[in-house]
Amino acid sequence: MWSLIGVLVVVVGFVLRINPLLVVTVAGLVTGLIARLPLDKILTQFGTSFVVNRYMSLFILILPVIGLTERYGLKEQAENLVSKVRVATTGRILILYLFLRELTSALGLTSLGGHAQMVRPLIAPMAEGAADTLGR
């Protein structure tokens, strides 16, 4: 029953608006110590959990990068670039993007990204720039 004190630590930490990473780390340490686990076992569990969930860390790192590129004009630059290409149409841009995604999947590579990583900041503005150029 006492090992559930970590849940209380999380609730109190979130209510006090303390850094969530710090709150969860302290809650894990408190829970491990109350369960009478040695410190090296607790740290080993933290390391194992980090390695298993490392792709979540990448997701957390990618979002600020996308936000910064949008803030400093990636969308406008994509529209300007495509509007200068006379043969670019909305359909051709979307077909090219689909082809590249299928090609990377067929080769077993990671995908080019979904809506948040690729479509919203790059593909959609490029398609809009092509549509504006053609007046459609």
Protein backbone atom coordinates (compact mmCIF):
# COMPACT_ATOMS: atom_id res chain seq x y z
CA MET A 1 0.00 0.00 0.00
CA TRP A 2 2.82 2.42 0.81
CA SER A 3 4.37 1.89 -2.60
CA LEU A 4 1.46 3.88 -4.06
CA ILE A 5 2.85 7.02 -2.43
CA GLY A 6 4.43 7.79 -5.80
CA VAL A 7 0.95 8.51 -7.18
CA LEU A 8 0.48 11.07 -4.41
CA VAL A 9 3.83 12.64 -5.29
CA VAL A 10 2.71 12.97 -8.93
CA VAL A 11 -0.64 14.51 -7.99
CA VAL A 12 0.93 17.00 -5.56
CA GLY A 13 3.67 17.89 -8.03
CA PHE A 14 1.20 18.55 -10.83
CA VAL A 15 -1.09 20.58 -8.55
CA LEU A 16 1.90 22.73 -7.54
CA ARG A 17 2.87 23.04 -11.24
CA ILE A 18 6.36 21.68 -10.74
CA ASN A 19 8.33 20.52 -13.78
CA PRO A 20 6.62 17.24 -14.86
CA LEU A 21 9.90 15.48 -15.67
CA LEU A 22 11.20 16.24 -12.19
CA VAL A 23 7.91 15.19 -10.56
CA VAL A 24 7.80 11.83 -12.33
CA THR A 25 11.47 11.17 -11.61
CA VAL A 26 11.06 11.92 -7.90
CA ALA A 27 7.89 9.81 -7.79
CA GLY A 28 9.78 6.89 -9.32
CA LEU A 29 12.62 7.26 -6.84
CA VAL A 30 10.23 7.54 -3.87
CA THR A 31 8.25 4.50 -5.02
CA GLY A 32 11.42 2.46 -5.49
CA LEU A 33 12.86 3.45 -2.12
CA ILE A 34 9.60 2.70 -0.27
CA ALA A 35 9.48 -0.69 -2.00
CA ARG A 36 13.00 -1.23 -0.56
CA LEU A 37 14.70 -1.58 -3.92
CA PRO A 38 18.41 -0.79 -4.01
CA LEU A 39 19.32 2.47 -5.74
CA ASP A 40 21.17 0.67 -8.54
CA LYS A 41 18.01 -1.35 -9.37
CA ILE A 42 15.94 1.84 -9.48
CA LEU A 43 18.44 3.52 -11.81
CA THR A 44 18.59 0.39 -13.97
CA GLN A 45 14.81 0.48 -14.31
CA PHE A 46 14.95 4.16 -15.32
CA GLY A 47 17.57 3.36 -17.97
CA THR A 48 15.64 0.38 -19.32
CA SER A 49 12.44 2.43 -19.54
CA PHE A 50 14.27 5.24 -21.34
CA VAL A 51 15.77 2.88 -23.92
CA VAL A 52 12.43 1.16 -24.55
CA ASN A 53 10.64 4.51 -24.98
CA ARG A 54 13.40 6.51 -26.68
CA TYR A 55 11.24 7.27 -29.72
CA MET A 56 8.97 9.32 -27.45
CA SER A 57 11.99 11.49 -26.67
CA LEU A 58 12.54 12.09 -30.37
CA PHE A 59 8.93 13.16 -30.78
CA ILE A 60 9.35 15.67 -27.95
CA LEU A 61 12.49 17.07 -29.60
CA ILE A 62 10.94 17.33 -33.08
CA LEU A 63 7.91 19.45 -32.13
CA PRO A 64 9.87 22.57 -31.08
CA VAL A 65 11.94 22.35 -34.26
CA ILE A 66 8.79 22.29 -36.38
CA GLY A 67 7.41 25.25 -34.42
CA LEU A 68 10.59 27.28 -34.94
CA THR A 69 10.71 26.59 -38.67
CA GLU A 70 7.09 27.67 -39.02
CA ARG A 71 7.69 30.79 -36.96
CA TYR A 72 10.59 31.87 -39.15
CA GLY A 73 8.74 31.46 -42.44
CA LEU A 74 9.05 27.90 -43.70
CA LYS A 75 5.48 27.98 -44.99
CA GLU A 76 6.00 31.20 -46.95
CA GLN A 77 9.29 29.98 -48.40
CA ALA A 78 7.69 26.72 -49.54
CA GLU A 79 4.87 28.65 -51.25
CA ASN A 80 7.35 31.02 -52.94
CA LEU A 81 9.54 28.16 -54.14
CA VAL A 82 6.70 26.24 -55.72
CA SER A 83 5.07 29.32 -57.24
CA LYS A 84 8.27 29.84 -59.29
CA VAL A 85 8.02 26.34 -60.81
CA ARG A 86 5.64 26.62 -63.76
CA VAL A 87 4.93 22.91 -64.19
CA ALA A 88 4.10 22.37 -60.53
CA THR A 89 0.44 21.65 -59.86
CA THR A 90 -1.27 20.66 -56.67
CA GLY A 91 -1.87 17.15 -57.98
CA ARG A 92 1.75 16.68 -59.06
CA ILE A 93 3.08 17.79 -55.69
CA LEU A 94 0.76 15.46 -53.80
CA ILE A 95 1.55 12.56 -56.14
CA LEU A 96 5.28 13.16 -55.70
CA TYR A 97 4.89 13.21 -51.91
CA LEU A 98 2.86 9.99 -52.01
CA PHE A 99 5.47 8.36 -54.26
CA LEU A 100 8.30 9.34 -51.89
CA ARG A 101 6.40 7.98 -48.88
CA GLU A 102 5.68 4.70 -50.66
CA LEU A 103 9.29 4.42 -51.83
CA THR A 104 10.70 4.92 -48.33
CA SER A 105 8.22 2.40 -46.93
CA ALA A 106 9.12 -0.14 -49.61
CA LEU A 107 12.80 0.24 -48.78
CA GLY A 108 12.07 -0.27 -45.10
CA LEU A 109 13.12 3.23 -44.16
CA THR A 110 11.23 5.29 -41.67
CA SER A 111 8.40 7.28 -43.13
CA LEU A 112 8.88 10.87 -44.24
CA GLY A 113 6.50 11.96 -41.54
CA GLY A 114 2.84 12.44 -41.07
CA HIS A 115 0.64 15.47 -40.92
CA ALA A 116 2.46 17.34 -38.15
CA GLN A 117 6.01 16.71 -39.36
CA MET A 118 5.74 17.01 -43.13
CA VAL A 119 2.32 17.78 -44.54
CA ARG A 120 1.34 20.85 -42.55
CA PRO A 121 4.67 22.71 -42.66
CA LEU A 122 5.77 21.76 -46.19
CA ILE A 123 3.43 19.82 -48.46
CA ALA A 124 0.24 21.84 -47.86
CA PRO A 125 1.93 25.23 -48.44
CA MET A 126 3.60 23.88 -51.58
CA ALA A 127 0.26 22.66 -52.88
CA GLU A 128 -1.33 26.04 -52.06
CA GLY A 129 1.50 27.86 -53.83
CA ALA A 130 0.98 25.73 -56.93
CA ALA A 131 -2.78 26.34 -56.82
CA ASP A 132 -2.26 30.12 -56.46
CA THR A 133 0.13 30.15 -59.42
CA LEU A 134 -2.39 28.44 -61.67
CA GLY A 135 -5.26 30.51 -60.32
CA ARG A 136 -7.25 27.47 -59.25
